[in-house]
């Protein structure tokens, strides 16, 4: 059975580091939680593009399994 009612994800995981798609990412924002997944805004710790003002990390938005998010390392 799927839960179609979205709720807000665990905001305490903002600024944590996790592994997604085989790469390390920093959690910039946490959105809706649905079906044991949370929508997150992520910034890469290894892939950057060069701009006039310096390096800017690649960013994605994706659904992250809550178990992966719960195991994320806090950077503070």
N, C-alpha and C. Protein backbone atom coordinates (compact mmCIF):
# COMPACT_ATOMS: atom_id res chain seq x y z
N UNK A 1 0.84 -1.17 0.00
CA UNK A 1 0.00 0.00 0.00
C UNK A 1 0.89 1.24 0.00
N UNK A 2 0.56 2.21 -0.81
CA UNK A 2 1.36 3.43 -0.88
C UNK A 2 0.65 4.56 -0.16
N UNK A 3 1.45 5.37 0.48
CA UNK A 3 0.95 6.54 1.19
C UNK A 3 1.01 7.72 0.23
N UNK A 4 -0.13 8.26 -0.18
CA UNK A 4 -0.14 9.34 -1.16
C UNK A 4 -0.21 10.72 -0.51
N UNK A 5 -0.29 10.76 0.81
CA UNK A 5 -0.36 12.02 1.52
C UNK A 5 1.06 12.50 1.84
N UNK A 6 1.52 13.57 1.18
CA UNK A 6 2.88 14.04 1.48
C UNK A 6 2.94 14.75 2.82
N UNK A 7 4.07 14.58 3.52
CA UNK A 7 4.33 15.30 4.76
C UNK A 7 5.69 15.99 4.59
N UNK A 8 6.07 16.77 5.57
CA UNK A 8 7.36 17.47 5.51
C UNK A 8 8.45 16.54 6.03
N UNK A 9 9.59 16.51 5.33
CA UNK A 9 10.71 15.66 5.72
C UNK A 9 11.44 16.18 6.94
N UNK A 10 12.43 15.43 7.38
CA UNK A 10 13.22 15.74 8.58
C UNK A 10 14.17 16.89 8.30
N UNK A 11 13.83 18.10 8.74
CA UNK A 11 14.64 19.29 8.47
C UNK A 11 15.97 19.29 9.22
N UNK A 12 16.13 18.43 10.19
CA UNK A 12 17.41 18.38 10.91
C UNK A 12 18.52 17.81 10.04
N UNK A 13 18.19 17.24 8.89
CA UNK A 13 19.18 16.66 8.00
C UNK A 13 19.77 17.67 7.02
N UNK A 14 19.32 18.92 7.07
CA UNK A 14 19.92 19.95 6.22
C UNK A 14 21.37 20.15 6.64
N UNK A 15 22.25 20.23 5.68
CA UNK A 15 23.70 20.39 5.84
C UNK A 15 24.40 19.09 6.24
N UNK A 16 23.73 17.95 6.10
CA UNK A 16 24.36 16.67 6.32
C UNK A 16 24.95 16.16 5.01
N UNK A 17 25.84 15.18 5.09
CA UNK A 17 26.45 14.57 3.91
C UNK A 17 25.93 13.14 3.77
N UNK A 18 25.59 12.76 2.52
CA UNK A 18 25.12 11.41 2.25
C UNK A 18 25.68 10.93 0.92
N UNK A 19 25.58 9.63 0.68
CA UNK A 19 26.02 9.04 -0.58
C UNK A 19 24.77 8.71 -1.39
N UNK A 20 24.72 9.24 -2.62
CA UNK A 20 23.60 9.04 -3.53
C UNK A 20 24.17 8.84 -4.93
N UNK A 21 23.76 7.79 -5.61
CA UNK A 21 24.26 7.47 -6.96
C UNK A 21 25.79 7.32 -6.96
N UNK A 22 26.34 6.80 -5.87
CA UNK A 22 27.77 6.55 -5.79
C UNK A 22 28.64 7.77 -5.56
N UNK A 23 28.04 8.91 -5.25
CA UNK A 23 28.80 10.14 -5.01
C UNK A 23 28.39 10.76 -3.68
N UNK A 24 29.26 11.60 -3.12
CA UNK A 24 28.96 12.30 -1.87
C UNK A 24 28.24 13.60 -2.19
N UNK A 25 27.18 13.86 -1.44
CA UNK A 25 26.35 15.06 -1.64
C UNK A 25 26.08 15.71 -0.30
N UNK A 26 25.93 17.03 -0.27
CA UNK A 26 25.50 17.77 0.91
C UNK A 26 24.02 18.11 0.73
N UNK A 27 23.23 17.91 1.78
CA UNK A 27 21.80 18.21 1.74
C UNK A 27 21.61 19.71 1.95
N UNK A 28 21.06 20.39 0.94
CA UNK A 28 20.81 21.84 1.04
C UNK A 28 19.39 22.15 1.49
N UNK A 29 18.48 21.25 1.19
CA UNK A 29 17.09 21.47 1.56
C UNK A 29 16.32 20.16 1.56
N UNK A 30 15.28 20.10 2.40
CA UNK A 30 14.45 18.91 2.53
C UNK A 30 13.01 19.32 2.24
N UNK A 31 12.34 18.54 1.41
CA UNK A 31 10.97 18.87 1.04
C UNK A 31 9.98 17.84 1.50
N UNK A 32 9.10 17.44 0.60
CA UNK A 32 8.02 16.51 0.93
C UNK A 32 8.54 15.11 1.20
N UNK A 33 7.83 14.41 2.07
CA UNK A 33 8.13 13.01 2.36
C UNK A 33 6.93 12.18 1.92
N UNK A 34 7.22 11.10 1.14
CA UNK A 34 6.14 10.26 0.62
C UNK A 34 6.70 8.88 0.32
N UNK A 35 5.96 7.84 0.66
CA UNK A 35 6.35 6.45 0.39
C UNK A 35 7.75 6.13 0.91
N UNK A 36 8.06 6.55 2.12
CA UNK A 36 9.37 6.32 2.75
C UNK A 36 10.53 6.93 1.97
N UNK A 37 10.26 7.99 1.22
CA UNK A 37 11.28 8.76 0.50
C UNK A 37 11.06 10.23 0.79
N UNK A 38 12.16 11.01 0.75
CA UNK A 38 12.09 12.45 0.99
C UNK A 38 12.74 13.16 -0.19
N UNK A 39 12.07 14.20 -0.70
CA UNK A 39 12.62 14.98 -1.79
C UNK A 39 13.66 15.95 -1.23
N UNK A 40 14.89 15.89 -1.75
CA UNK A 40 15.98 16.70 -1.22
C UNK A 40 16.66 17.50 -2.33
N UNK A 41 17.14 18.68 -1.97
CA UNK A 41 17.98 19.50 -2.83
C UNK A 41 19.41 19.21 -2.39
N UNK A 42 20.24 18.70 -3.33
CA UNK A 42 21.58 18.24 -3.01
C UNK A 42 22.64 19.01 -3.79
N UNK A 43 23.81 19.21 -3.19
CA UNK A 43 24.96 19.82 -3.84
C UNK A 43 26.12 18.83 -3.79
N UNK A 44 26.76 18.61 -4.93
CA UNK A 44 27.87 17.67 -5.02
C UNK A 44 29.08 18.19 -4.24
N UNK A 45 29.80 17.25 -3.63
CA UNK A 45 31.04 17.59 -2.94
C UNK A 45 32.26 17.39 -3.83
N UNK A 46 32.06 16.81 -5.03
CA UNK A 46 33.19 16.49 -5.90
C UNK A 46 33.09 17.08 -7.30
N UNK A 47 31.90 17.35 -7.79
CA UNK A 47 31.72 17.87 -9.15
C UNK A 47 31.36 19.36 -9.10
N UNK A 48 32.15 20.16 -9.80
CA UNK A 48 31.95 21.61 -9.80
C UNK A 48 32.00 22.12 -11.24
N UNK A 49 31.45 23.30 -11.46
CA UNK A 49 31.70 24.03 -12.71
C UNK A 49 32.40 25.32 -12.32
N UNK A 50 33.27 25.76 -13.20
CA UNK A 50 34.07 26.94 -12.93
C UNK A 50 33.35 28.17 -13.47
N UNK A 51 33.22 29.19 -12.63
CA UNK A 51 32.64 30.47 -13.03
C UNK A 51 33.64 31.56 -12.71
N UNK A 52 33.32 32.78 -13.11
CA UNK A 52 34.20 33.92 -12.83
C UNK A 52 34.51 34.07 -11.34
N UNK A 53 33.51 33.82 -10.52
CA UNK A 53 33.67 34.01 -9.08
C UNK A 53 34.11 32.74 -8.35
N UNK A 54 34.54 31.71 -9.08
CA UNK A 54 35.06 30.50 -8.43
C UNK A 54 34.29 29.25 -8.81
N UNK A 55 34.52 28.19 -8.04
CA UNK A 55 33.87 26.90 -8.29
C UNK A 55 32.46 26.90 -7.69
N UNK A 56 31.52 26.35 -8.46
CA UNK A 56 30.13 26.22 -8.02
C UNK A 56 29.75 24.74 -8.09
N UNK A 57 29.26 24.15 -6.99
CA UNK A 57 28.95 22.72 -7.01
C UNK A 57 27.74 22.41 -7.91
N UNK A 58 27.80 21.23 -8.55
CA UNK A 58 26.64 20.74 -9.30
C UNK A 58 25.53 20.46 -8.29
N UNK A 59 24.26 20.72 -8.69
CA UNK A 59 23.14 20.53 -7.78
C UNK A 59 22.06 19.71 -8.46
N UNK A 60 21.35 18.91 -7.66
CA UNK A 60 20.23 18.13 -8.16
C UNK A 60 19.11 18.14 -7.13
N UNK A 61 17.93 17.79 -7.56
CA UNK A 61 16.81 17.52 -6.68
C UNK A 61 16.38 16.09 -6.95
N UNK A 62 16.24 15.27 -5.91
CA UNK A 62 15.90 13.86 -6.11
C UNK A 62 15.25 13.30 -4.86
N UNK A 63 14.54 12.19 -5.05
CA UNK A 63 13.92 11.48 -3.93
C UNK A 63 14.98 10.60 -3.28
N UNK A 64 15.16 10.74 -1.97
CA UNK A 64 16.15 9.99 -1.22
C UNK A 64 15.42 9.08 -0.23
N UNK A 65 15.83 7.83 -0.18
CA UNK A 65 15.24 6.87 0.76
C UNK A 65 15.46 7.37 2.19
N UNK A 66 14.44 7.27 3.02
CA UNK A 66 14.54 7.77 4.39
C UNK A 66 15.63 7.06 5.20
N UNK A 67 15.92 5.79 4.87
CA UNK A 67 16.98 5.08 5.58
C UNK A 67 18.35 5.70 5.26
N UNK A 68 18.55 6.10 4.01
CA UNK A 68 19.81 6.77 3.61
C UNK A 68 19.89 8.12 4.29
N UNK A 69 18.78 8.85 4.32
CA UNK A 69 18.77 10.16 4.96
C UNK A 69 19.01 10.05 6.46
N UNK A 70 18.46 9.03 7.10
CA UNK A 70 18.66 8.84 8.54
C UNK A 70 20.12 8.53 8.86
N UNK A 71 20.83 7.87 7.93
CA UNK A 71 22.23 7.51 8.15
C UNK A 71 23.19 8.62 7.73
N UNK A 72 22.67 9.75 7.24
CA UNK A 72 23.53 10.85 6.77
C UNK A 72 24.36 11.41 7.92
N UNK A 73 25.61 11.77 7.61
CA UNK A 73 26.53 12.33 8.60
C UNK A 73 26.31 13.81 8.77
N UNK A 74 26.22 14.25 10.02
CA UNK A 74 26.05 15.67 10.33
C UNK A 74 27.40 16.37 10.22
N UNK A 75 27.43 17.53 9.55
CA UNK A 75 28.68 18.26 9.32
C UNK A 75 28.91 19.40 10.31
N UNK A 76 28.00 19.62 11.24
CA UNK A 76 28.16 20.76 12.15
C UNK A 76 29.05 20.49 13.32
